[in-house]
Amino acid sequence: MGPLDSKGRGRVMQIEVPVMCAGVLVRPKDVVVGDADGVVVIPREVEERVVALAIEKVTGENNTREALRQGESLASVFQRFGIL
């Protein structure tokens, strides 16, 4: 069901207010990302740090994958990058 399905049957009561969703507080301007595996809410005040850490993690995973592709042993790759 989408907003068009509820036309005429729903009313907007408030906008830009905090809400509780499944026990998680979601505030205006928080970042909400979802996929088939679930949803994550990133508070706005830590967004830049979370994005930086995510890029660092992906970079490490890419380096690990490339080292393994080049024939480096799993033990060596883990010792060097700490990521599998």
PDB file of N, CA and C in Angstrom:
ATOM      1  N   MET A   1       0.850  -1.187   0.000  1.00  0.00           N
ATOM      2  CA  MET A   1       0.000   0.000   0.000  1.00  0.00           C
ATOM      3  C   MET A   1       0.889   1.241   0.000  1.00  0.00           C
ATOM      4  N   GLY A   2       0.567   2.164  -0.838  1.00  0.00           N
ATOM      5  CA  GLY A   2       1.294   3.418  -0.895  1.00  0.00           C
ATOM      6  C   GLY A   2       0.368   4.581  -0.620  1.00  0.00           C
ATOM      7  N   PRO A   3       0.916   5.779  -0.576  1.00  0.00           N
ATOM      8  CA  PRO A   3       0.091   6.955  -0.282  1.00  0.00           C
ATOM      9  C   PRO A   3      -1.092   7.121  -1.231  1.00  0.00           C
ATOM     10  N   LEU A   4      -0.924   6.763  -2.505  1.00  0.00           N
ATOM     11  CA  LEU A   4      -2.033   6.913  -3.449  1.00  0.00           C
ATOM     12  C   LEU A   4      -3.186   5.984  -3.099  1.00  0.00           C
ATOM     13  N   ASP A   5      -2.877   4.837  -2.504  1.00  0.00           N
ATOM     14  CA  ASP A   5      -3.922   3.892  -2.120  1.00  0.00           C
ATOM     15  C   ASP A   5      -4.795   4.419  -0.991  1.00  0.00           C
ATOM     16  N   SER A   6      -4.261   5.355  -0.218  1.00  0.00           N
ATOM     17  CA  SER A   6      -5.010   5.851   0.938  1.00  0.00           C
ATOM     18  C   SER A   6      -5.631   7.221   0.694  1.00  0.00           C
ATOM     19  N   LYS A   7      -5.605   7.676  -0.531  1.00  0.00           N
ATOM     20  CA  LYS A   7      -6.145   9.004  -0.845  1.00  0.00           C
ATOM     21  C   LYS A   7      -7.583   9.140  -0.332  1.00  0.00           C
ATOM     22  N   GLY A   8      -7.795  10.185   0.425  1.00  0.00           N
ATOM     23  CA  GLY A   8      -9.131  10.455   0.953  1.00  0.00           C
ATOM     24  C   GLY A   8      -9.432   9.713   2.253  1.00  0.00           C
ATOM     25  N   ARG A   9      -8.575   8.772   2.630  1.00  0.00           N
ATOM     26  CA  ARG A   9      -8.831   8.000   3.857  1.00  0.00           C
ATOM     27  C   ARG A   9      -7.854   8.347   4.962  1.00  0.00           C
ATOM     28  N   GLY A  10      -6.872   9.161   4.695  1.00  0.00           N
ATOM     29  CA  GLY A  10      -5.876   9.506   5.708  1.00  0.00           C
ATOM     30  C   GLY A  10      -5.712  11.008   5.828  1.00  0.00           C
ATOM     31  N   ARG A  11      -5.228  11.427   6.986  1.00  0.00           N
ATOM     32  CA  ARG A  11      -4.962  12.839   7.204  1.00  0.00           C
ATOM     33  C   ARG A  11      -3.570  12.994   7.775  1.00  0.00           C
ATOM     34  N   VAL A  12      -2.851  13.997   7.330  1.00  0.00           N
ATOM     35  CA  VAL A  12      -1.556  14.334   7.904  1.00  0.00           C
ATOM     36  C   VAL A  12      -1.836  15.076   9.203  1.00  0.00           C
ATOM     37  N   MET A  13      -1.319  14.514  10.285  1.00  0.00           N
ATOM     38  CA  MET A  13      -1.551  15.117  11.597  1.00  0.00           C
ATOM     39  C   MET A  13      -0.395  16.020  12.004  1.00  0.00           C
ATOM     40  N   GLN A  14       0.862  15.582  11.692  1.00  0.00           N
ATOM     41  CA  GLN A  14       2.047  16.356  12.025  1.00  0.00           C
ATOM     42  C   GLN A  14       3.139  15.982  11.044  1.00  0.00           C
ATOM     43  N   ILE A  15       4.054  16.919  10.829  1.00  0.00           N
ATOM     44  CA  ILE A  15       5.241  16.629  10.035  1.00  0.00           C
ATOM     45  C   ILE A  15       6.462  17.150  10.781  1.00  0.00           C
ATOM     46  N   GLU A  16       7.631  16.584  10.443  1.00  0.00           N
ATOM     47  CA  GLU A  16       8.889  17.004  11.069  1.00  0.00           C
ATOM     48  C   GLU A  16       8.855  16.875  12.584  1.00  0.00           C
ATOM     49  N   VAL A  17       8.334  15.735  13.064  1.00  0.00           N
ATOM     50  CA  VAL A  17       8.322  15.455  14.507  1.00  0.00           C
ATOM     51  C   VAL A  17       8.973  14.091  14.738  1.00  0.00           C
ATOM     52  N   PRO A  18       9.583  13.886  15.910  1.00  0.00           N
ATOM     53  CA  PRO A  18      10.136  12.569  16.223  1.00  0.00           C
ATOM     54  C   PRO A  18       9.032  11.519  16.297  1.00  0.00           C
ATOM     55  N   VAL A  19       9.364  10.296  15.892  1.00  0.00           N
ATOM     56  CA  VAL A  19       8.425   9.175  15.999  1.00  0.00           C
ATOM     57  C   VAL A  19       9.172   7.961  16.538  1.00  0.00           C
ATOM     58  N   MET A  20       8.441   7.090  17.210  1.00  0.00           N
ATOM     59  CA  MET A  20       8.984   5.800  17.627  1.00  0.00           C
ATOM     60  C   MET A  20       8.529   4.781  16.587  1.00  0.00           C
ATOM     61  N   CYS A  21       9.485   4.010  16.096  1.00  0.00           N
ATOM     62  CA  CYS A  21       9.179   2.975  15.116  1.00  0.00           C
ATOM     63  C   CYS A  21       9.896   1.701  15.553  1.00  0.00           C
ATOM     64  N   ALA A  22       9.144   0.691  15.910  1.00  0.00           N
ATOM     65  CA  ALA A  22       9.706  -0.578  16.381  1.00  0.00           C
ATOM     66  C   ALA A  22      10.685  -0.365  17.544  1.00  0.00           C
ATOM     67  N   GLY A  23      10.359   0.582  18.417  1.00  0.00           N
ATOM     68  CA  GLY A  23      11.197   0.834  19.586  1.00  0.00           C
ATOM     69  C   GLY A  23      12.395   1.728  19.335  1.00  0.00           C
ATOM     70  N   VAL A  24      12.499   2.275  18.126  1.00  0.00           N
ATOM     71  CA  VAL A  24      13.633   3.142  17.772  1.00  0.00           C
ATOM     72  C   VAL A  24      13.119   4.558  17.541  1.00  0.00           C
ATOM     73  N   LEU A  25      13.777   5.524  18.170  1.00  0.00           N
ATOM     74  CA  LEU A  25      13.414   6.918  17.966  1.00  0.00           C
ATOM     75  C   LEU A  25      13.977   7.399  16.635  1.00  0.00           C
ATOM     76  N   VAL A  26      13.121   7.923  15.782  1.00  0.00           N
ATOM     77  CA  VAL A  26      13.530   8.479  14.485  1.00  0.00           C
ATOM     78  C   VAL A  26      13.141   9.957  14.508  1.00  0.00           C
ATOM     79  N   ARG A  27      14.147  10.805  14.341  1.00  0.00           N
ATOM     80  CA  ARG A  27      13.920  12.243  14.419  1.00  0.00           C
ATOM     81  C   ARG A  27      14.042  12.884  13.047  1.00  0.00           C
ATOM     82  N   PRO A  28      13.444  14.034  12.858  1.00  0.00           N
ATOM     83  CA  PRO A  28      13.622  14.734  11.593  1.00  0.00           C
ATOM     84  C   PRO A  28      15.108  14.913  11.284  1.00  0.00           C
ATOM     85  N   LYS A  29      15.473  14.700  10.059  1.00  0.00           N
ATOM     86  CA  LYS A  29      16.830  14.828   9.533  1.00  0.00           C
ATOM     87  C   LYS A  29      17.741  13.642   9.856  1.00  0.00           C
ATOM     88  N   ASP A  30      17.245  12.633  10.606  1.00  0.00           N
ATOM     89  CA  ASP A  30      18.009  11.400  10.752  1.00  0.00           C
ATOM     90  C   ASP A  30      18.073  10.728   9.371  1.00  0.00           C
ATOM     91  N   VAL A  31      19.072   9.907   9.174  1.00  0.00           N
ATOM     92  CA  VAL A  31      19.213   9.177   7.914  1.00  0.00           C
ATOM     93  C   VAL A  31      18.638   7.782   8.129  1.00  0.00           C
ATOM     94  N   VAL A  32      17.704   7.397   7.272  1.00  0.00           N
ATOM     95  CA  VAL A  32      17.080   6.082   7.356  1.00  0.00           C
ATOM     96  C   VAL A  32      17.388   5.343   6.053  1.00  0.00           C
ATOM     97  N   VAL A  33      18.020   4.160   6.192  1.00  0.00           N
ATOM     98  CA  VAL A  33      18.394   3.368   5.025  1.00  0.00           C
ATOM     99  C   VAL A  33      17.840   1.967   5.227  1.00  0.00           C
ATOM    100  N   GLY A  34      17.242   1.417   4.193  1.00  0.00           N
ATOM    101  CA  GLY A  34      16.697   0.071   4.305  1.00  0.00           C
ATOM    102  C   GLY A  34      16.944  -0.732   3.042  1.00  0.00           C
ATOM    103  N   ASP A  35      17.001  -2.043   3.227  1.00  0.00           N
ATOM    104  CA  ASP A  35      17.075  -2.963   2.099  1.00  0.00           C
ATOM    105  C   ASP A  35      16.345  -4.236   2.505  1.00  0.00           C
ATOM    106  N   ALA A  36      16.540  -5.298   1.750  1.00  0.00           N
ATOM    107  CA  ALA A  36      15.839  -6.546   2.026  1.00  0.00           C
ATOM    108  C   ALA A  36      16.220  -7.147   3.373  1.00  0.00           C
ATOM    109  N   ASP A  37      17.381  -6.773   3.908  1.00  0.00           N
ATOM    110  CA  ASP A  37      17.851  -7.325   5.175  1.00  0.00           C
ATOM    111  C   ASP A  37      17.376  -6.543   6.391  1.00  0.00           C
ATOM    112  N   GLY A  38      16.904  -5.320   6.206  1.00  0.00           N
ATOM    113  CA  GLY A  38      16.443  -4.551   7.349  1.00  0.00           C
ATOM    114  C   GLY A  38      16.615  -3.064   7.150  1.00  0.00           C
ATOM    115  N   VAL A  39      16.486  -2.338   8.249  1.00  0.00           N
ATOM    116  CA  VAL A  39      16.523  -0.872   8.236  1.00  0.00           C
ATOM    117  C   VAL A  39      17.485  -0.405   9.323  1.00  0.00           C
ATOM    118  N   VAL A  40      18.208   0.680   9.026  1.00  0.00           N
ATOM    119  CA  VAL A  40      19.080   1.294  10.021  1.00  0.00           C
ATOM    120  C   VAL A  40      18.749   2.783  10.087  1.00  0.00           C
ATOM    121  N   VAL A  41      18.754   3.316  11.304  1.00  0.00           N
ATOM    122  CA  VAL A  41      18.530   4.745  11.515  1.00  0.00           C
ATOM    123  C   VAL A  41      19.835   5.327  12.038  1.00  0.00           C
ATOM    124  N   ILE A  42      20.365   6.307  11.328  1.00  0.00           N
ATOM    125  CA  ILE A  42      21.609   6.966  11.723  1.00  0.00           C
ATOM    126  C   ILE A  42      21.265   8.367  12.214  1.00  0.00           C
ATOM    127  N   PRO A  43      21.475   8.638  13.500  1.00  0.00           N
ATOM    128  CA  PRO A  43      21.201   9.984  13.999  1.00  0.00           C
ATOM    129  C   PRO A  43      22.031  11.024  13.236  1.00  0.00           C
ATOM    130  N   ARG A  44      21.419  12.123  12.916  1.00  0.00           N
ATOM    131  CA  ARG A  44      22.053  13.164  12.111  1.00  0.00           C
ATOM    132  C   ARG A  44      23.406  13.607  12.684  1.00  0.00           C
ATOM    133  N   GLU A  45      23.507  13.679  14.026  1.00  0.00           N
ATOM    134  CA  GLU A  45      24.731  14.205  14.632  1.00  0.00           C
ATOM    135  C   GLU A  45      25.934  13.273  14.481  1.00  0.00           C
ATOM    136  N   VAL A  46      25.717  12.011  14.097  1.00  0.00           N
ATOM    137  CA  VAL A  46      26.844  11.094  13.885  1.00  0.00           C
ATOM    138  C   VAL A  46      26.947  10.625  12.434  1.00  0.00           C
ATOM    139  N   GLU A  47      26.164  11.211  11.566  1.00  0.00           N
ATOM    140  CA  GLU A  47      26.119  10.786  10.163  1.00  0.00           C
ATOM    141  C   GLU A  47      27.498  10.801   9.498  1.00  0.00           C
ATOM    142  N   GLU A  48      28.235  11.880   9.626  1.00  0.00           N
ATOM    143  CA  GLU A  48      29.542  11.975   8.955  1.00  0.00           C
ATOM    144  C   GLU A  48      30.498  10.902   9.458  1.00  0.00           C
ATOM    145  N   ARG A  49      30.508  10.649  10.753  1.00  0.00           N
ATOM    146  CA  ARG A  49      31.390   9.621  11.324  1.00  0.00           C
ATOM    147  C   ARG A  49      30.994   8.226  10.832  1.00  0.00           C
ATOM    148  N   VAL A  50      29.699   7.950  10.792  1.00  0.00           N
ATOM    149  CA  VAL A  50      29.209   6.649  10.323  1.00  0.00           C
ATOM    150  C   VAL A  50      29.576   6.433   8.863  1.00  0.00           C
ATOM    151  N   VAL A  51      29.416   7.445   8.043  1.00  0.00           N
ATOM    152  CA  VAL A  51      29.766   7.327   6.618  1.00  0.00           C
ATOM    153  C   VAL A  51      31.270   7.092   6.469  1.00  0.00           C
ATOM    154  N   ALA A  52      32.079   7.813   7.223  1.00  0.00           N
ATOM    155  CA  ALA A  52      33.538   7.629   7.161  1.00  0.00           C
ATOM    156  C   ALA A  52      33.926   6.207   7.556  1.00  0.00           C
ATOM    157  N   LEU A  53      33.321   5.689   8.619  1.00  0.00           N
ATOM    158  CA  LEU A  53      33.611   4.321   9.052  1.00  0.00           C
ATOM    159  C   LEU A  53      33.149   3.295   8.019  1.00  0.00           C
ATOM    160  N   ALA A  54      32.013   3.542   7.386  1.00  0.00           N
ATOM    161  CA  ALA A  54      31.514   2.625   6.363  1.00  0.00           C
ATOM    162  C   ALA A  54      32.455   2.596   5.163  1.00  0.00           C
ATOM    163  N   ILE A  55      32.947   3.749   4.754  1.00  0.00           N
ATOM    164  CA  ILE A  55      33.891   3.813   3.628  1.00  0.00           C
ATOM    165  C   ILE A  55      35.186   3.096   3.992  1.00  0.00           C
ATOM    166  N   GLU A  56      35.644   3.287   5.221  1.00  0.00           N
ATOM    167  CA  GLU A  56      36.850   2.601   5.692  1.00  0.00           C
ATOM    168  C   GLU A  56      36.665   1.080   5.653  1.00  0.00           C
ATOM    169  N   LYS A  57      35.506   0.625   6.086  1.00  0.00           N
ATOM    170  CA  LYS A  57      35.212  -0.822   6.094  1.00  0.00           C
ATOM    171  C   LYS A  57      35.178  -1.380   4.665  1.00  0.00           C
ATOM    172  N   VAL A  58      34.489  -0.697   3.775  1.00  0.00           N
ATOM    173  CA  VAL A  58      34.395  -1.159   2.384  1.00  0.00           C
ATOM    174  C   VAL A  58      35.768  -1.155   1.725  1.00  0.00           C
ATOM    175  N   THR A  59      36.571  -0.142   2.001  1.00  0.00           N
ATOM    176  CA  THR A  59      37.924  -0.078   1.444  1.00  0.00           C
ATOM    177  C   THR A  59      38.749  -1.269   1.927  1.00  0.00           C
ATOM    178  N   GLY A  60      38.663  -1.577   3.210  1.00  0.00           N
ATOM    179  CA  GLY A  60      39.371  -2.735   3.750  1.00  0.00           C
ATOM    180  C   GLY A  60      38.908  -4.038   3.117  1.00  0.00           C
ATOM    181  N   GLU A  61      37.611  -4.182   2.933  1.00  0.00           N
ATOM    182  CA  GLU A  61      37.083  -5.385   2.297  1.00  0.00           C
ATOM    183  C   GLU A  61      37.560  -5.492   0.848  1.00  0.00           C
ATOM    184  N   ASN A  62      37.582  -4.371   0.153  1.00  0.00           N
ATOM    185  CA  ASN A  62      38.078  -4.374  -1.233  1.00  0.00           C
ATOM    186  C   ASN A  62      39.553  -4.748  -1.289  1.00  0.00           C
ATOM    187  N   ASN A  63      40.347  -4.210  -0.373  1.00  0.00           N
ATOM    188  CA  ASN A  63      41.778  -4.551  -0.316  1.00  0.00           C
ATOM    189  C   ASN A  63      41.971  -6.039  -0.019  1.00  0.00           C
ATOM    190  N   THR A  64      41.181  -6.553   0.915  1.00  0.00           N
ATOM    191  CA  THR A  64      41.250  -7.976   1.255  1.00  0.00           C
ATOM    192  C   THR A  64      40.914  -8.837   0.050  1.00  0.00           C
ATOM    193  N   ARG A  65      39.823  -8.506  -0.617  1.00  0.00           N
ATOM    194  CA  ARG A  65      39.400  -9.277  -1.793  1.00  0.00           C
ATOM    195  C   ARG A  65      40.470  -9.267  -2.869  1.00  0.00           C
ATOM    196  N   GLU A  66      41.076  -8.113  -3.100  1.00  0.00           N
ATOM    197  CA  GLU A  66      42.101  -8.005  -4.136  1.00  0.00           C
ATOM    198  C   GLU A  66      43.348  -8.812  -3.759  1.00  0.00           C
ATOM    199  N   ALA A  67      43.744  -8.765  -2.498  1.00  0.00           N
ATOM    200  CA  ALA A  67      44.912  -9.533  -2.057  1.00  0.00           C
ATOM    201  C   ALA A  67      44.655 -11.033  -2.216  1.00  0.00           C
ATOM    202  N   LEU A  68      43.462 -11.474  -1.874  1.00  0.00           N
ATOM    203  CA  LEU A  68      43.118 -12.886  -2.055  1.00  0.00           C
ATOM    204  C   LEU A  68      43.100 -13.253  -3.534  1.00  0.00           C
ATOM    205  N   ARG A  69      42.580 -12.363  -4.342  1.00  0.00           N
ATOM    206  CA  ARG A  69      42.544 -12.581  -5.802  1.00  0.00           C
ATOM    207  C   ARG A  69      43.960 -12.713  -6.364  1.00  0.00           C
ATOM    208  N   GLN A  70      44.901 -11.989  -5.766  1.00  0.00           N
ATOM    209  CA  GLN A  70      46.292 -12.027  -6.214  1.00  0.00           C
ATOM    210  C   GLN A  70      47.028 -13.261  -5.692  1.00  0.00           C
ATOM    211  N   GLY A  71      46.353 -14.078  -4.887  1.00  0.00           N
ATOM    212  CA  GLY A  71      46.954 -15.317  -4.433  1.00  0.00           C
ATOM    213  C   GLY A  71      47.526 -15.293  -3.027  1.00  0.00           C
ATOM    214  N   GLU A  72      47.371 -14.191  -2.328  1.00  0.00           N
ATOM    215  CA  GLU A  72      47.887 -14.112  -0.952  1.00  0.00           C
ATOM    216  C   GLU A  72      47.076 -15.048  -0.056  1.00  0.00           C
ATOM    217  N   SER A  73      47.723 -15.641   0.926  1.00  0.00           N
ATOM    218  CA  SER A  73      47.026 -16.591   1.804  1.00  0.00           C
ATOM    219  C   SER A  73      46.025 -15.861   2.700  1.00  0.00           C
ATOM    220  N   LEU A  74      45.002 -16.602   3.102  1.00  0.00           N
ATOM    221  CA  LEU A  74      43.978 -16.054   3.977  1.00  0.00           C
ATOM    222  C   LEU A  74      44.588 -15.553   5.287  1.00  0.00           C
ATOM    223  N   ALA A  75      45.490 -16.326   5.860  1.00  0.00           N
ATOM    224  CA  ALA A  75      46.130 -15.926   7.119  1.00  0.00           C
ATOM    225  C   ALA A  75      46.916 -14.636   6.950  1.00  0.00           C
ATOM    226  N   SER A  76      47.630 -14.519   5.848  1.00  0.00           N
ATOM    227  CA  SER A  76      48.425 -13.318   5.583  1.00  0.00           C
ATOM    228  C   SER A  76      47.526 -12.092   5.390  1.00  0.00           C
ATOM    229  N   VAL A  77      46.468 -12.301   4.652  1.00  0.00           N
ATOM    230  CA  VAL A  77      45.530 -11.192   4.386  1.00  0.00           C
ATOM    231  C   VAL A  77      44.901 -10.724   5.694  1.00  0.00           C
ATOM    232  N   PHE A  78      44.492 -11.669   6.518  1.00  0.00           N
ATOM    233  CA  PHE A  78      43.876 -11.284   7.784  1.00  0.00           C
ATOM    234  C   PHE A  78      44.877 -10.573   8.692  1.00  0.00           C
ATOM    235  N   GLN A  79      46.097 -11.047   8.694  1.00  0.00           N
ATOM    236  CA  GLN A  79      47.124 -10.406   9.524  1.00  0.00           C
ATOM    237  C   GLN A  79      47.385  -8.979   9.060  1.00  0.00           C
ATOM    238  N   ARG A  80      47.361  -8.782   7.750  1.00  0.00           N
ATOM    239  CA  ARG A  80      47.660  -7.453   7.205  1.00  0.00           C
ATOM    240  C   ARG A  80      46.500  -6.487   7.348  1.00  0.00           C
ATOM    241  N   PHE A  81      45.270  -6.952   7.062  1.00  0.00           N
ATOM    242  CA  PHE A  81      44.117  -6.045   7.030  1.00  0.00           C
ATOM    243  C   PHE A  81      43.186  -6.203   8.222  1.00  0.00           C
ATOM    244  N   GLY A  82      43.200  -7.367   8.885  1.00  0.00           N
ATOM    245  CA  GLY A  82      42.296  -7.599  10.002  1.00  0.00           C
ATOM    246  C   GLY A  82      40.847  -7.726   9.585  1.00  0.00           C
ATOM    247  N   ILE A  83      40.642  -7.997   8.302  1.00  0.00           N
ATOM    248  CA  ILE A  83      39.286  -8.094   7.755  1.00  0.00           C
ATOM    249  C   ILE A  83      39.238  -9.320   6.847  1.00  0.00           C
ATOM    250  N   LEU A  84      38.170 -10.068   6.943  1.00  0.00           N
ATOM    251  CA  LEU A  84      37.946 -11.170   6.000  1.00  0.00           C
ATOM    252  C   LEU A  84      36.669 -10.931   5.255  1.00  0.00           C
TER     253      LEU A  84
END
